[in-house]
Amino acid sequence: MKKIANISMFIILLLSITIQESFADSKSIWFADIANSKIHVDCGLDYDIFGLSIIDDYLYQFEKCSVIIYPPPLQKYLIHNDDIQWQQLLLANGYRFGFDQIRLSFNDTFCEWADQSSLMEPMYSLIRLKYPGLHYNNHILLYLISKYQKNSIEYYVHDSNINTNIHLTRNHHRNPNIHYIMVNNDGHAFIIHNDYHMNDDDQSNDDSQGSQYQLMNDPSIWKDKTIGFLCIGESKNLKQRNDNNGDDNDHLWICLQRNPCETWRETRTLLESINLSFSMSGKLYLISKQKKQVLITDLKLLSSVVELVNKPENDTEHFSLIIRSLTDFIVCKESDSTKFLNNGNKTAATTTSKTTIIKKSNVIRISNIIVILVLVSFFIWMIVHVIRKRKKTKNQQQMKNKDVSATTTTPTTNDTGNNLFVLSKTIRKLN
């Protein structure tokens, strides 16, 4: 019994550890101790960038199967250059973690989804959800968009607080050139896509089909709730003012409106190559790695979603849109603005690391499962063996008790004869 008790305690302890690792809270996952990282990153530009996010003063750079964490304070990664007159992002002195190192239950699954996204670069985004009154308020969610089939987009969400995955597939049979952009305003996730198709009674130009970009709420929470159209255009007043300053890129505007865009050509030209987005310091950054440029606008563009419902159709707020060189925006040193996404050795290193991470995680997971199954099987065998042994002992005891009872209560033939002889002798004496 003592051995069985010890084995039971061991199995319970092992299962408890497994459960604790599976349900690790968001603090231990996303705010990991940098001392646990074996790889110090001098320059984030030496690695792939499939997502940039900021939470609680932490800066995150996502690869397909790993994340580089830049610990607080956030201000040390923001460069205010008086010559450029706008902020730069410094990706230096980070710490690289494989998904398996920070014990994310989706490690293999998200790696596979991101790796299979052959028709579009995968896009990661990490946010702390801010929906007061919603059950998931203040949860940390990791988003991934990937595309490995021509007419569909895969949309994944991982809730780090309750260790739950959500997977949605959005089909787009009418538009094989579907393009998605994931954006957020620090607490809400949005999707920008070009899958708008007009009704027969729509008076818009038919040529704009597939070129109109719509903004929609997070489909994992609000399903297919479309908000409006994102439109980009040129302002003559802004152009005239900025021409005097010698800058040709500061005369654009962007807005969110109810109706399709008249300036859909300009909108398509600037948005069709965007494959990275994040928000910081009240600004929304839309990045095109292909064109090596970044579009910068006010984050109030996304905050105006609620106001759009109550505003008249003609009362649309326009925000200034600035285009900057990506090599001037993301740097590794304050004086370095020439290095960005040179994918030669970096891609090979990242692929090797990704494969190693997946294989290592698979071996560990399979080994744990085998050990647990063996221990549980042994534990069950011990219980069955003890039960059978006890039952056998009980049956033997019952048979023994029956034999004793029969010997005590049933007179034998010899005893009966002796009793009759004594009785006969006693009668003779009396006579």
Foldseek 3Di string as FASTA:
>chain_A
DVVLVVLVVVLVVLVVVVVCLLQPAPCLQQVPDLVLFPDWFFAPQLADAQAWEDDPCWIWGDDQFKIWIDHDNNVVQWDCDPVVRDIFGAGGGTGMDGNVSSRQPCRLVSSVQQVLQPPAHKHKYWAQADDPPDPSHRWIKIWIWGDNDQFKIWIWIAGSNGGDIDIDIDGQVPDSLKDWDWEDLRHFIKIKIQRDDDDPPDPDDNVCRSLWIWIAGDCVVVNGGTQFTKDKDFDPVQCVVVVVVVDRFFRMKIWGAHDTDPRSVVVSVPQSQFRYWYDDPQWTWTARPVVQKIKIWGSCRVVCSVVNVVDDRVPIDIITIGMDGNLQRYYNDPPGSPRHNPPDVNVVVVVVVSVVVNVVVVVVVVVSVVVSVVSVVVSVVVVVVVVVVVVVVVVVVVVVVVVVVCVPPDDDPVVVVVVVVVVVVVVVVVD
